[in-house]
Amino acid sequence: MLRVAVVLAVVLIIAYVFDGVALFFSRCSIKLRCDNDWELKGRKCYYFSTFALPWIRSKQRCESLSGRLVKIDSRLEQSFLSGRSSSLMTEDEDKFWIGLTDSDTEGEWKWTDGSLLDQT
């Protein structure tokens, strides 16, 4: 099973935070079954974790689980992830990471797979 681990923002796709709670997801391949502790939604498996890590460490943690930070493919998926992450937050400062970064060029947002953010 191909895993795509992800971390997401609470309300917006883009969040300017430096510490956050890691929230991992995985993308399922053909099988519509997820490993233990992973949640199936549509054709994706999501793993929700409450590790408090900076973005780069969250990305590394995802990769250690054979995954990647989430690339949000639709408004429906964004809505699901926002709702699910909100249910896990207990403190005002709780944040969730996604696989979106402008670390290569300031202001040019790309997903960790290298594709540009489509803002339409």
PDB file of N, CA and C in Angstrom:
ATOM      1  N   MET A   1       0.841  -1.170   0.000  1.00  0.00           N
ATOM      2  CA  MET A   1       0.000   0.000   0.000  1.00  0.00           C
ATOM      3  C   MET A   1       0.892   1.242   0.000  1.00  0.00           C
ATOM      4  N   LEU A   2       0.660   2.147  -0.928  1.00  0.00           N
ATOM      5  CA  LEU A   2       1.374   3.419  -0.979  1.00  0.00           C
ATOM      6  C   LEU A   2       0.811   4.322   0.100  1.00  0.00           C
ATOM      7  N   ARG A   3       1.676   4.891   0.892  1.00  0.00           N
ATOM      8  CA  ARG A   3       1.222   5.766   1.961  1.00  0.00           C
ATOM      9  C   ARG A   3       1.587   7.204   1.651  1.00  0.00           C
ATOM     10  N   VAL A   4       0.646   8.087   1.853  1.00  0.00           N
ATOM     11  CA  VAL A   4       0.902   9.512   1.739  1.00  0.00           C
ATOM     12  C   VAL A   4       0.506  10.117   3.069  1.00  0.00           C
ATOM     13  N   ALA A   5       1.461  10.404   3.890  1.00  0.00           N
ATOM     14  CA  ALA A   5       1.167  10.973   5.192  1.00  0.00           C
ATOM     15  C   ALA A   5       1.024  12.476   5.034  1.00  0.00           C
ATOM     16  N   VAL A   6       0.142  13.046   5.836  1.00  0.00           N
ATOM     17  CA  VAL A   6      -0.103  14.466   5.691  1.00  0.00           C
ATOM     18  C   VAL A   6      -0.352  15.143   7.011  1.00  0.00           C
ATOM     19  N   VAL A   7      -0.155  16.396   6.989  1.00  0.00           N
ATOM     20  CA  VAL A   7      -0.464  17.236   8.128  1.00  0.00           C
ATOM     21  C   VAL A   7      -1.273  18.398   7.589  1.00  0.00           C
ATOM     22  N   LEU A   8      -2.304  18.832   8.299  1.00  0.00           N
ATOM     23  CA  LEU A   8      -3.153  19.849   7.707  1.00  0.00           C
ATOM     24  C   LEU A   8      -3.370  21.061   8.580  1.00  0.00           C
ATOM     25  N   ALA A   9      -3.742  22.147   7.940  1.00  0.00           N
ATOM     26  CA  ALA A   9      -4.087  23.375   8.644  1.00  0.00           C
ATOM     27  C   ALA A   9      -5.537  23.295   9.079  1.00  0.00           C
ATOM     28  N   VAL A  10      -5.886  24.060  10.068  1.00  0.00           N
ATOM     29  CA  VAL A  10      -7.213  23.982  10.639  1.00  0.00           C
ATOM     30  C   VAL A  10      -8.273  24.639   9.762  1.00  0.00           C
ATOM     31  N   VAL A  11      -8.115  25.883   9.425  1.00  0.00           N
ATOM     32  CA  VAL A  11      -9.138  26.593   8.683  1.00  0.00           C
ATOM     33  C   VAL A  11      -8.693  26.873   7.254  1.00  0.00           C
ATOM     34  N   LEU A  12      -7.481  27.309   7.085  1.00  0.00           N
ATOM     35  CA  LEU A  12      -6.973  27.663   5.778  1.00  0.00           C
ATOM     36  C   LEU A  12      -6.001  26.606   5.293  1.00  0.00           C
ATOM     37  N   ILE A  13      -5.811  26.564   3.997  1.00  0.00           N
ATOM     38  CA  ILE A  13      -4.818  25.655   3.451  1.00  0.00           C
ATOM     39  C   ILE A  13      -3.417  26.106   3.856  1.00  0.00           C
ATOM     40  N   ILE A  14      -3.195  27.397   3.962  1.00  0.00           N
ATOM     41  CA  ILE A  14      -1.881  27.932   4.290  1.00  0.00           C
ATOM     42  C   ILE A  14      -1.890  28.428   5.730  1.00  0.00           C
ATOM     43  N   ALA A  15      -0.925  27.976   6.527  1.00  0.00           N
ATOM     44  CA  ALA A  15      -0.835  28.421   7.910  1.00  0.00           C
ATOM     45  C   ALA A  15       0.581  28.891   8.187  1.00  0.00           C
ATOM     46  N   TYR A  16       0.720  30.028   8.810  1.00  0.00           N
ATOM     47  CA  TYR A  16       2.033  30.552   9.165  1.00  0.00           C
ATOM     48  C   TYR A  16       2.292  30.252  10.633  1.00  0.00           C
ATOM     49  N   VAL A  17       2.698  29.035  10.912  1.00  0.00           N
ATOM     50  CA  VAL A  17       3.013  28.634  12.275  1.00  0.00           C
ATOM     51  C   VAL A  17       4.324  27.881  12.253  1.00  0.00           C
ATOM     52  N   PHE A  18       5.011  27.852  13.380  1.00  0.00           N
ATOM     53  CA  PHE A  18       6.310  27.220  13.431  1.00  0.00           C
ATOM     54  C   PHE A  18       6.317  25.958  14.285  1.00  0.00           C
ATOM     55  N   ASP A  19       5.392  25.817  15.163  1.00  0.00           N
ATOM     56  CA  ASP A  19       5.245  24.592  15.939  1.00  0.00           C
ATOM     57  C   ASP A  19       3.827  24.121  15.746  1.00  0.00           C
ATOM     58  N   GLY A  20       3.660  22.834  15.663  1.00  0.00           N
ATOM     59  CA  GLY A  20       2.317  22.324  15.456  1.00  0.00           C
ATOM     60  C   GLY A  20       2.184  20.902  15.925  1.00  0.00           C
ATOM     61  N   VAL A  21       0.988  20.435  15.874  1.00  0.00           N
ATOM     62  CA  VAL A  21       0.706  19.054  16.210  1.00  0.00           C
ATOM     63  C   VAL A  21       0.651  18.292  14.902  1.00  0.00           C
ATOM     64  N   ALA A  22       1.412  17.238  14.808  1.00  0.00           N
ATOM     65  CA  ALA A  22       1.473  16.487  13.560  1.00  0.00           C
ATOM     66  C   ALA A  22       0.197  15.684  13.368  1.00  0.00           C
ATOM     67  N   LEU A  23      -0.322  15.732  12.187  1.00  0.00           N
ATOM     68  CA  LEU A  23      -1.509  14.980  11.820  1.00  0.00           C
ATOM     69  C   LEU A  23      -1.164  14.268  10.528  1.00  0.00           C
ATOM     70  N   PHE A  24      -1.096  12.962  10.555  1.00  0.00           N
ATOM     71  CA  PHE A  24      -0.613  12.202   9.421  1.00  0.00           C
ATOM     72  C   PHE A  24      -1.750  11.522   8.688  1.00  0.00           C
ATOM     73  N   PHE A  25      -1.628  11.411   7.399  1.00  0.00           N
ATOM     74  CA  PHE A  25      -2.609  10.757   6.559  1.00  0.00           C
ATOM     75  C   PHE A  25      -1.878   9.829   5.607  1.00  0.00           C
ATOM     76  N   SER A  26      -2.603   8.919   5.020  1.00  0.00           N
ATOM     77  CA  SER A  26      -2.006   8.037   4.028  1.00  0.00           C
ATOM     78  C   SER A  26      -2.970   7.855   2.879  1.00  0.00           C
ATOM     79  N   ARG A  27      -2.432   7.735   1.689  1.00  0.00           N
ATOM     80  CA  ARG A  27      -3.245   7.505   0.507  1.00  0.00           C
ATOM     81  C   ARG A  27      -3.218   6.012   0.198  1.00  0.00           C
ATOM     82  N   CYS A  28      -4.393   5.418   0.092  1.00  0.00           N
ATOM     83  CA  CYS A  28      -4.484   3.996  -0.231  1.00  0.00           C
ATOM     84  C   CYS A  28      -4.328   3.791  -1.731  1.00  0.00           C
ATOM     85  N   SER A  29      -3.837   2.628  -2.122  1.00  0.00           N
ATOM     86  CA  SER A  29      -3.796   2.297  -3.547  1.00  0.00           C
ATOM     87  C   SER A  29      -5.109   1.628  -3.912  1.00  0.00           C
ATOM     88  N   ILE A  30      -5.073   0.540  -4.624  1.00  0.00           N
ATOM     89  CA  ILE A  30      -6.290  -0.124  -5.093  1.00  0.00           C
ATOM     90  C   ILE A  30      -7.124  -0.671  -3.930  1.00  0.00           C
ATOM     91  N   LYS A  31      -6.465  -1.273  -2.945  1.00  0.00           N
ATOM     92  CA  LYS A  31      -7.194  -1.847  -1.815  1.00  0.00           C
ATOM     93  C   LYS A  31      -7.889  -0.753  -1.025  1.00  0.00           C
ATOM     94  N   LEU A  32      -9.110  -0.988  -0.652  1.00  0.00           N
ATOM     95  CA  LEU A  32      -9.834  -0.012   0.166  1.00  0.00           C
ATOM     96  C   LEU A  32      -9.811  -0.485   1.613  1.00  0.00           C
ATOM     97  N   ARG A  33      -8.627  -0.693   2.124  1.00  0.00           N
ATOM     98  CA  ARG A  33      -8.407  -1.146   3.473  1.00  0.00           C
ATOM     99  C   ARG A  33      -7.189  -0.414   4.006  1.00  0.00           C
ATOM    100  N   CYS A  34      -7.232  -0.028   5.265  1.00  0.00           N
ATOM    101  CA  CYS A  34      -6.131   0.718   5.861  1.00  0.00           C
ATOM    102  C   CYS A  34      -5.470  -0.105   6.963  1.00  0.00           C
ATOM    103  N   ASP A  35      -4.209   0.214   7.235  1.00  0.00           N
ATOM    104  CA  ASP A  35      -3.509  -0.417   8.352  1.00  0.00           C
ATOM    105  C   ASP A  35      -4.198  -0.028   9.662  1.00  0.00           C
ATOM    106  N   ASN A  36      -3.876  -0.774  10.727  1.00  0.00           N
ATOM    107  CA  ASN A  36      -4.396  -0.439  12.055  1.00  0.00           C
ATOM    108  C   ASN A  36      -4.053   1.004  12.398  1.00  0.00           C
ATOM    109  N   ASP A  37      -4.952   1.674  13.078  1.00  0.00           N
ATOM    110  CA  ASP A  37      -4.794   3.061  13.516  1.00  0.00           C
ATOM    111  C   ASP A  37      -4.914   4.079  12.389  1.00  0.00           C
ATOM    112  N   TRP A  38      -5.231   3.641  11.170  1.00  0.00           N
ATOM    113  CA  TRP A  38      -5.445   4.536  10.037  1.00  0.00           C
ATOM    114  C   TRP A  38      -6.934   4.548   9.733  1.00  0.00           C
ATOM    115  N   GLU A  39      -7.451   5.670   9.313  1.00  0.00           N
ATOM    116  CA  GLU A  39      -8.882   5.843   9.055  1.00  0.00           C
ATOM    117  C   GLU A  39      -9.140   5.970   7.550  1.00  0.00           C
ATOM    118  N   LEU A  40     -10.036   5.133   7.028  1.00  0.00           N
ATOM    119  CA  LEU A  40     -10.384   5.174   5.612  1.00  0.00           C
ATOM    120  C   LEU A  40     -11.447   6.231   5.360  1.00  0.00           C
ATOM    121  N   LYS A  41     -11.193   7.085   4.377  1.00  0.00           N
ATOM    122  CA  LYS A  41     -12.170   8.081   3.930  1.00  0.00           C
ATOM    123  C   LYS A  41     -12.046   8.158   2.414  1.00  0.00           C
ATOM    124  N   GLY A  42     -13.070   7.734   1.704  1.00  0.00           N
ATOM    125  CA  GLY A  42     -12.992   7.658   0.256  1.00  0.00           C
ATOM    126  C   GLY A  42     -11.955   6.635  -0.147  1.00  0.00           C
ATOM    127  N   ARG A  43     -10.971   7.048  -0.926  1.00  0.00           N
ATOM    128  CA  ARG A  43      -9.884   6.153  -1.344  1.00  0.00           C
ATOM    129  C   ARG A  43      -8.571   6.457  -0.632  1.00  0.00           C
ATOM    130  N   LYS A  44      -8.646   7.166   0.494  1.00  0.00           N
ATOM    131  CA  LYS A  44      -7.447   7.524   1.236  1.00  0.00           C
ATOM    132  C   LYS A  44      -7.526   7.013   2.665  1.00  0.00           C
ATOM    133  N   CYS A  45      -6.369   6.692   3.196  1.00  0.00           N
ATOM    134  CA  CYS A  45      -6.250   6.336   4.603  1.00  0.00           C
ATOM    135  C   CYS A  45      -5.621   7.511   5.329  1.00  0.00           C
ATOM    136  N   TYR A  46      -6.174   7.855   6.462  1.00  0.00           N
ATOM    137  CA  TYR A  46      -5.685   8.986   7.245  1.00  0.00           C
ATOM    138  C   TYR A  46      -5.229   8.478   8.607  1.00  0.00           C
ATOM    139  N   TYR A  47      -4.073   8.922   9.008  1.00  0.00           N
ATOM    140  CA  TYR A  47      -3.538   8.601  10.331  1.00  0.00           C
ATOM    141  C   TYR A  47      -3.436   9.903  11.112  1.00  0.00           C
ATOM    142  N   PHE A  48      -4.164   9.990  12.201  1.00  0.00           N
ATOM    143  CA  PHE A  48      -4.190  11.212  13.002  1.00  0.00           C
ATOM    144  C   PHE A  48      -3.281  11.023  14.214  1.00  0.00           C
ATOM    145  N   SER A  49      -2.293  11.883  14.328  1.00  0.00           N
ATOM    146  CA  SER A  49      -1.333  11.812  15.414  1.00  0.00           C
ATOM    147  C   SER A  49      -1.254  13.170  16.096  1.00  0.00           C
ATOM    148  N   THR A  50      -0.965  13.168  17.371  1.00  0.00           N
ATOM    149  CA  THR A  50      -0.891  14.423  18.115  1.00  0.00           C
ATOM    150  C   THR A  50       0.533  14.746  18.556  1.00  0.00           C
ATOM    151  N   PHE A  51       1.527  14.318  17.785  1.00  0.00           N
ATOM    152  CA  PHE A  51       2.904  14.714  18.065  1.00  0.00           C
ATOM    153  C   PHE A  51       3.065  16.207  17.774  1.00  0.00           C
ATOM    154  N   ALA A  52       3.612  16.956  18.710  1.00  0.00           N
ATOM    155  CA  ALA A  52       3.858  18.378  18.505  1.00  0.00           C
ATOM    156  C   ALA A  52       5.253  18.547  17.910  1.00  0.00           C
ATOM    157  N   LEU A  53       5.304  18.844  16.614  1.00  0.00           N
ATOM    158  CA  LEU A  53       6.572  18.953  15.896  1.00  0.00           C
ATOM    159  C   LEU A  53       6.551  20.144  14.948  1.00  0.00           C
ATOM    160  N   PRO A  54       7.720  20.741  14.673  1.00  0.00           N
ATOM    161  CA  PRO A  54       7.785  21.755  13.620  1.00  0.00           C
ATOM    162  C   PRO A  54       7.510  21.113  12.259  1.00  0.00           C
ATOM    163  N   TRP A  55       7.253  21.926  11.233  1.00  0.00           N
ATOM    164  CA  TRP A  55       6.874  21.415   9.923  1.00  0.00           C
ATOM    165  C   TRP A  55       7.881  20.415   9.372  1.00  0.00           C
ATOM    166  N   ILE A  56       9.172  20.758   9.369  1.00  0.00           N
ATOM    167  CA  ILE A  56      10.174  19.882   8.761  1.00  0.00           C
ATOM    168  C   ILE A  56      10.263  18.545   9.505  1.00  0.00           C
ATOM    169  N   ARG A  57      10.139  18.578  10.814  1.00  0.00           N
ATOM    170  CA  ARG A  57      10.156  17.322  11.598  1.00  0.00           C
ATOM    171  C   ARG A  57       8.891  16.508  11.339  1.00  0.00           C
ATOM    172  N   SER A  58       7.762  17.185  11.157  1.00  0.00           N
ATOM    173  CA  SER A  58       6.524  16.482  10.819  1.00  0.00           C
ATOM    174  C   SER A  58       6.662  15.798   9.463  1.00  0.00           C
ATOM    175  N   LYS A  59       7.263  16.495   8.514  1.00  0.00           N
ATOM    176  CA  LYS A  59       7.508  15.924   7.189  1.00  0.00           C
ATOM    177  C   LYS A  59       8.394  14.683   7.309  1.00  0.00           C
ATOM    178  N   GLN A  60       9.453  14.782   8.097  1.00  0.00           N
ATOM    179  CA  GLN A  60      10.350  13.645   8.301  1.00  0.00           C
ATOM    180  C   GLN A  60       9.638  12.490   8.994  1.00  0.00           C
ATOM    181  N   ARG A  61       8.786  12.809   9.953  1.00  0.00           N
ATOM    182  CA  ARG A  61       8.015  11.772  10.666  1.00  0.00           C
ATOM    183  C   ARG A  61       7.094  11.052   9.685  1.00  0.00           C
ATOM    184  N   CYS A  62       6.440  11.799   8.821  1.00  0.00           N
ATOM    185  CA  CYS A  62       5.582  11.187   7.799  1.00  0.00           C
ATOM    186  C   CYS A  62       6.387  10.230   6.928  1.00  0.00           C
ATOM    187  N   GLU A  63       7.546  10.696   6.500  1.00  0.00           N
ATOM    188  CA  GLU A  63       8.392   9.874   5.639  1.00  0.00           C
ATOM    189  C   GLU A  63       8.860   8.617   6.360  1.00  0.00           C
ATOM    190  N   SER A  64       9.082   8.699   7.668  1.00  0.00           N
ATOM    191  CA  SER A  64       9.484   7.520   8.435  1.00  0.00           C
ATOM    192  C   SER A  64       8.353   6.497   8.520  1.00  0.00           C
ATOM    193  N   LEU A  65       7.131   6.955   8.281  1.00  0.00           N
ATOM    194  CA  LEU A  65       5.963   6.055   8.243  1.00  0.00           C
ATOM    195  C   LEU A  65       5.645   5.648   6.809  1.00  0.00           C
ATOM    196  N   SER A  66       6.602   5.860   5.895  1.00  0.00           N
ATOM    197  CA  SER A  66       6.436   5.577   4.462  1.00  0.00           C
ATOM    198  C   SER A  66       5.328   6.418   3.851  1.00  0.00           C
ATOM    199  N   GLY A  67       5.210   7.656   4.305  1.00  0.00           N
ATOM    200  CA  GLY A  67       4.181   8.544   3.797  1.00  0.00           C
ATOM    201  C   GLY A  67       4.730   9.897   3.411  1.00  0.00           C
ATOM    202  N   ARG A  68       3.822  10.806   3.132  1.00  0.00           N
ATOM    203  CA  ARG A  68       4.149  12.198   2.808  1.00  0.00           C
ATOM    204  C   ARG A  68       3.108  13.097   3.450  1.00  0.00           C
ATOM    205  N   LEU A  69       3.443  14.359   3.611  1.00  0.00           N
ATOM    206  CA  LEU A  69       2.457  15.323   4.075  1.00  0.00           C
ATOM    207  C   LEU A  69       1.341  15.427   3.043  1.00  0.00           C
ATOM    208  N   VAL A  70       0.126  15.713   3.496  1.00  0.00           N
ATOM    209  CA  VAL A  70      -1.047  15.689   2.627  1.00  0.00           C
ATOM    210  C   VAL A  70      -1.011  16.755   1.539  1.00  0.00           C
ATOM    211  N   LYS A  71      -1.449  16.345   0.387  1.00  0.00           N
ATOM    212  CA  LYS A  71      -1.764  17.268  -0.696  1.00  0.00           C
ATOM    213  C   LYS A  71      -3.282  17.239  -0.797  1.00  0.00           C
ATOM    214  N   ILE A  72      -3.919  18.356  -0.512  1.00  0.00           N
ATOM    215  CA  ILE A  72      -5.374  18.409  -0.509  1.00  0.00           C
ATOM    216  C   ILE A  72      -5.845  18.560  -1.947  1.00  0.00           C
ATOM    217  N   ASP A  73      -6.603  17.569  -2.416  1.00  0.00           N
ATOM    218  CA  ASP A  73      -6.998  17.503  -3.822  1.00  0.00           C
ATOM    219  C   ASP A  73      -8.359  18.101  -4.132  1.00  0.00           C
ATOM    220  N   SER A  74      -9.156  18.415  -3.112  1.00  0.00           N
ATOM    221  CA  SER A  74     -10.499  18.935  -3.388  1.00  0.00           C
ATOM    222  C   SER A  74     -11.018  19.715  -2.181  1.00  0.00           C
ATOM    223  N   ARG A  75     -12.032  20.517  -2.432  1.00  0.00           N
ATOM    224  CA  ARG A  75     -12.682  21.234  -1.328  1.00  0.00           C
ATOM    225  C   ARG A  75     -13.375  20.257  -0.383  1.00  0.00           C
ATOM    226  N   LEU A  76     -13.873  19.162  -0.912  1.00  0.00           N
ATOM    227  CA  LEU A  76     -14.504  18.137  -0.078  1.00  0.00           C
ATOM    228  C   LEU A  76     -13.485  17.538   0.885  1.00  0.00           C
ATOM    229  N   GLU A  77     -12.295  17.239   0.378  1.00  0.00           N
ATOM    230  CA  GLU A  77     -11.240  16.701   1.236  1.00  0.00           C
ATOM    231  C   GLU A  77     -10.808  17.745   2.266  1.00  0.00           C
ATOM    232  N   GLN A  78     -10.678  19.003   1.842  1.00  0.00           N
ATOM    233  CA  GLN A  78     -10.311  20.066   2.770  1.00  0.00           C
ATOM    234  C   GLN A  78     -11.349  20.194   3.875  1.00  0.00           C
ATOM    235  N   SER A  79     -12.614  20.116   3.518  1.00  0.00           N
ATOM    236  CA  SER A  79     -13.687  20.206   4.502  1.00  0.00           C
ATOM    237  C   SER A  79     -13.615  19.048   5.500  1.00  0.00           C
ATOM    238  N   PHE A  80     -13.407  17.847   4.992  1.00  0.00           N
ATOM    239  CA  PHE A  80     -13.271  16.680   5.865  1.00  0.00           C
ATOM    240  C   PHE A  80     -12.103  16.853   6.829  1.00  0.00           C
ATOM    241  N   LEU A  81     -10.941  17.242   6.297  1.00  0.00           N
ATOM    242  CA  LEU A  81      -9.746  17.373   7.129  1.00  0.00           C
ATOM    243  C   LEU A  81      -9.894  18.493   8.152  1.00  0.00           C
ATOM    244  N   SER A  82     -10.506  19.599   7.767  1.00  0.00           N
ATOM    245  CA  SER A  82     -10.736  20.701   8.708  1.00  0.00           C
ATOM    246  C   SER A  82     -11.640  20.255   9.845  1.00  0.00           C
ATOM    247  N   GLY A  83     -12.717  19.571   9.498  1.00  0.00           N
ATOM    248  CA  GLY A  83     -13.640  19.087  10.519  1.00  0.00           C
ATOM    249  C   GLY A  83     -13.011  18.058  11.440  1.00  0.00           C
ATOM    250  N   ARG A  84     -12.294  17.124  10.848  1.00  0.00           N
ATOM    251  CA  ARG A  84     -11.663  16.056  11.639  1.00  0.00           C
ATOM    252  C   ARG A  84     -10.569  16.626  12.530  1.00  0.00           C
ATOM    253  N   SER A  85      -9.760  17.545  12.022  1.00  0.00           N
ATOM    254  CA  SER A  85      -8.694  18.122  12.844  1.00  0.00           C
ATOM    255  C   SER A  85      -9.272  18.988  13.962  1.00  0.00           C
ATOM    256  N   SER A  86     -10.343  19.696  13.675  1.00  0.00           N
ATOM    257  CA  SER A  86     -10.977  20.528  14.702  1.00  0.00           C
ATOM    258  C   SER A  86     -11.443  19.689  15.882  1.00  0.00           C
ATOM    259  N   SER A  87     -11.904  18.480  15.582  1.00  0.00           N
ATOM    260  CA  SER A  87     -12.373  17.608  16.657  1.00  0.00           C
ATOM    261  C   SER A  87     -11.227  17.109  17.533  1.00  0.00           C
ATOM    262  N   LEU A  88      -9.994  17.190  17.039  1.00  0.00           N
ATOM    263  CA  LEU A  88      -8.824  16.725  17.791  1.00  0.00           C
ATOM    264  C   LEU A  88      -8.119  17.831  18.564  1.00  0.00           C
ATOM    265  N   MET A  89      -8.432  19.079  18.247  1.00  0.00           N
ATOM    266  CA  MET A  89      -7.750  20.196  18.898  1.00  0.00           C
ATOM    267  C   MET A  89      -8.378  20.490  20.247  1.00  0.00           C
ATOM    268  N   THR A  90      -7.521  20.603  21.242  1.00  0.00           N
ATOM    269  CA  THR A  90      -8.011  20.888  22.590  1.00  0.00           C
ATOM    270  C   THR A  90      -7.548  22.248  23.105  1.00  0.00           C
ATOM    271  N   GLU A  91      -6.501  22.789  22.501  1.00  0.00           N
ATOM    272  CA  GLU A  91      -5.941  24.075  22.932  1.00  0.00           C
ATOM    273  C   GLU A  91      -5.994  25.074  21.778  1.00  0.00           C
ATOM    274  N   ASP A  92      -6.079  26.358  22.108  1.00  0.00           N
ATOM    275  CA  ASP A  92      -6.114  27.402  21.083  1.00  0.00           C
ATOM    276  C   ASP A  92      -4.887  27.381  20.182  1.00  0.00           C
ATOM    277  N   GLU A  93      -3.738  26.995  20.743  1.00  0.00           N
ATOM    278  CA  GLU A  93      -2.498  27.026  19.967  1.00  0.00           C
ATOM    279  C   GLU A  93      -2.275  25.755  19.138  1.00  0.00           C
ATOM    280  N   ASP A  94      -3.167  24.780  19.208  1.00  0.00           N
ATOM    281  CA  ASP A  94      -3.026  23.569  18.405  1.00  0.00           C
ATOM    282  C   ASP A  94      -3.082  23.910  16.920  1.00  0.00           C
ATOM    283  N   LYS A  95      -2.162  23.370  16.161  1.00  0.00           N
ATOM    284  CA  LYS A  95      -2.077  23.586  14.717  1.00  0.00           C
ATOM    285  C   LYS A  95      -1.817  22.251  14.038  1.00  0.00           C
ATOM    286  N   PHE A  96      -2.133  22.158  12.757  1.00  0.00           N
ATOM    287  CA  PHE A  96      -1.898  20.956  11.979  1.00  0.00           C
ATOM    288  C   PHE A  96      -1.210  21.325  10.674  1.00  0.00           C
ATOM    289  N   TRP A  97      -0.248  20.516  10.293  1.00  0.00           N
ATOM    290  CA  TRP A  97       0.544  20.775   9.093  1.00  0.00           C
ATOM    291  C   TRP A  97      -0.016  20.064   7.873  1.00  0.00           C
ATOM    292  N   ILE A  98       0.216  20.644   6.707  1.00  0.00           N
ATOM    293  CA  ILE A  98      -0.086  20.003   5.430  1.00  0.00           C
ATOM    294  C   ILE A  98       1.176  20.044   4.582  1.00  0.00           C
ATOM    295  N   GLY A  99       1.153  19.410   3.436  1.00  0.00           N
ATOM    296  CA  GLY A  99       2.325  19.332   2.575  1.00  0.00           C
ATOM    297  C   GLY A  99       2.458  20.503   1.625  1.00  0.00           C
ATOM    298  N   LEU A 100       2.343  21.707   2.128  1.00  0.00           N
ATOM    299  CA  LEU A 100       2.428  22.916   1.319  1.00  0.00           C
ATOM    300  C   LEU A 100       3.539  23.793   1.887  1.00  0.00           C
ATOM    301  N   THR A 101       4.420  24.268   1.013  1.00  0.00           N
ATOM    302  CA  THR A 101       5.559  25.046   1.484  1.00  0.00           C
ATOM    303  C   THR A 101       5.978  26.102   0.457  1.00  0.00           C
ATOM    304  N   ASP A 102       6.556  27.172   0.956  1.00  0.00           N
ATOM    305  CA  ASP A 102       7.182  28.158   0.070  1.00  0.00           C
ATOM    306  C   ASP A 102       8.664  28.262   0.406  1.00  0.00           C
ATOM    307  N   SER A 103       9.246  27.154   0.881  1.00  0.00           N
ATOM    308  CA  SER A 103      10.645  27.157   1.319  1.00  0.00           C
ATOM    309  C   SER A 103      11.636  27.360   0.170  1.00  0.00           C
ATOM    310  N   ASP A 104      11.289  26.987  -1.057  1.00  0.00           N
ATOM    311  CA  ASP A 104      12.185  27.199  -2.200  1.00  0.00           C
ATOM    312  C   ASP A 104      12.205  28.673  -2.614  1.00  0.00           C
ATOM    313  N   THR A 105      11.013  29.249  -2.791  1.00  0.00           N
ATOM    314  CA  THR A 105      10.872  30.652  -3.197  1.00  0.00           C
ATOM    315  C   THR A 105       9.762  31.275  -2.352  1.00  0.00           C
ATOM    316  N   GLU A 106      10.106  32.296  -1.585  1.00  0.00           N
ATOM    317  CA  GLU A 106       9.132  32.967  -0.720  1.00  0.00           C
ATOM    318  C   GLU A 106       7.917  33.410  -1.529  1.00  0.00           C
ATOM    319  N   GLY A 107       6.730  33.010  -1.076  1.00  0.00           N
ATOM    320  CA  GLY A 107       5.487  33.391  -1.727  1.00  0.00           C
ATOM    321  C   GLY A 107       5.054  32.481  -2.867  1.00  0.00           C
ATOM    322  N   GLU A 108       5.913  31.557  -3.292  1.00  0.00           N
ATOM    323  CA  GLU A 108       5.548  30.586  -4.336  1.00  0.00           C
ATOM    324  C   GLU A 108       5.248  29.248  -3.654  1.00  0.00           C
ATOM    325  N   TRP A 109       3.961  28.982  -3.474  1.00  0.00           N
ATOM    326  CA  TRP A 109       3.518  27.815  -2.713  1.00  0.00           C
ATOM    327  C   TRP A 109       3.489  26.571  -3.586  1.00  0.00           C
ATOM    328  N   LYS A 110       4.153  25.530  -3.088  1.00  0.00           N
ATOM    329  CA  LYS A 110       4.198  24.238  -3.778  1.00  0.00           C
ATOM    330  C   LYS A 110       3.874  23.127  -2.785  1.00  0.00           C
ATOM    331  N   TRP A 111       3.259  22.092  -3.301  1.00  0.00           N
ATOM    332  CA  TRP A 111       3.044  20.882  -2.518  1.00  0.00           C
ATOM    333  C   TRP A 111       4.358  20.130  -2.444  1.00  0.00           C
ATOM    334  N   THR A 112       4.505  19.265  -1.465  1.00  0.00           N
ATOM    335  CA  THR A 112       5.764  18.538  -1.316  1.00  0.00           C
ATOM    336  C   THR A 112       6.058  17.610  -2.479  1.00  0.00           C
ATOM    337  N   ASP A 113       5.071  17.340  -3.330  1.00  0.00           N
ATOM    338  CA  ASP A 113       5.331  16.548  -4.541  1.00  0.00           C
ATOM    339  C   ASP A 113       5.855  17.423  -5.685  1.00  0.00           C
ATOM    340  N   GLY A 114       6.019  18.730  -5.427  1.00  0.00           N
ATOM    341  CA  GLY A 114       6.572  19.655  -6.415  1.00  0.00           C
ATOM    342  C   GLY A 114       5.531  20.407  -7.231  1.00  0.00           C
ATOM    343  N   SER A 115       4.264  20.024  -7.151  1.00  0.00           N
ATOM    344  CA  SER A 115       3.233  20.714  -7.937  1.00  0.00           C
ATOM    345  C   SER A 115       2.852  22.040  -7.278  1.00  0.00           C
ATOM    346  N   LEU A 116       2.489  23.021  -8.113  1.00  0.00           N
ATOM    347  CA  LEU A 116       2.091  24.337  -7.629  1.00  0.00           C
ATOM    348  C   LEU A 116       0.704  24.310  -7.020  1.00  0.00           C
ATOM    349  N   LEU A 117       0.465  25.187  -6.065  1.00  0.00           N
ATOM    350  CA  LEU A 117      -0.844  25.343  -5.446  1.00  0.00           C
ATOM    351  C   LEU A 117      -1.808  25.951  -6.459  1.00  0.00           C
ATOM    352  N   ASP A 118      -2.928  25.290  -6.693  1.00  0.00           N
ATOM    353  CA  ASP A 118      -3.972  25.813  -7.567  1.00  0.00           C
ATOM    354  C   ASP A 118      -4.959  26.579  -6.700  1.00  0.00           C
ATOM    355  N   GLN A 119      -4.990  27.891  -6.824  1.00  0.00           N
ATOM    356  CA  GLN A 119      -5.828  28.722  -5.957  1.00  0.00           C
ATOM    357  C   GLN A 119      -7.193  29.031  -6.560  1.00  0.00           C
ATOM    358  N   THR A 120      -7.588  28.293  -7.600  1.00  0.00           N
ATOM    359  CA  THR A 120      -8.899  28.541  -8.198  1.00  0.00           C
ATOM    360  C   THR A 120      -9.992  27.788  -7.500  1.00  0.00           C
TER     361      THR A 120
END
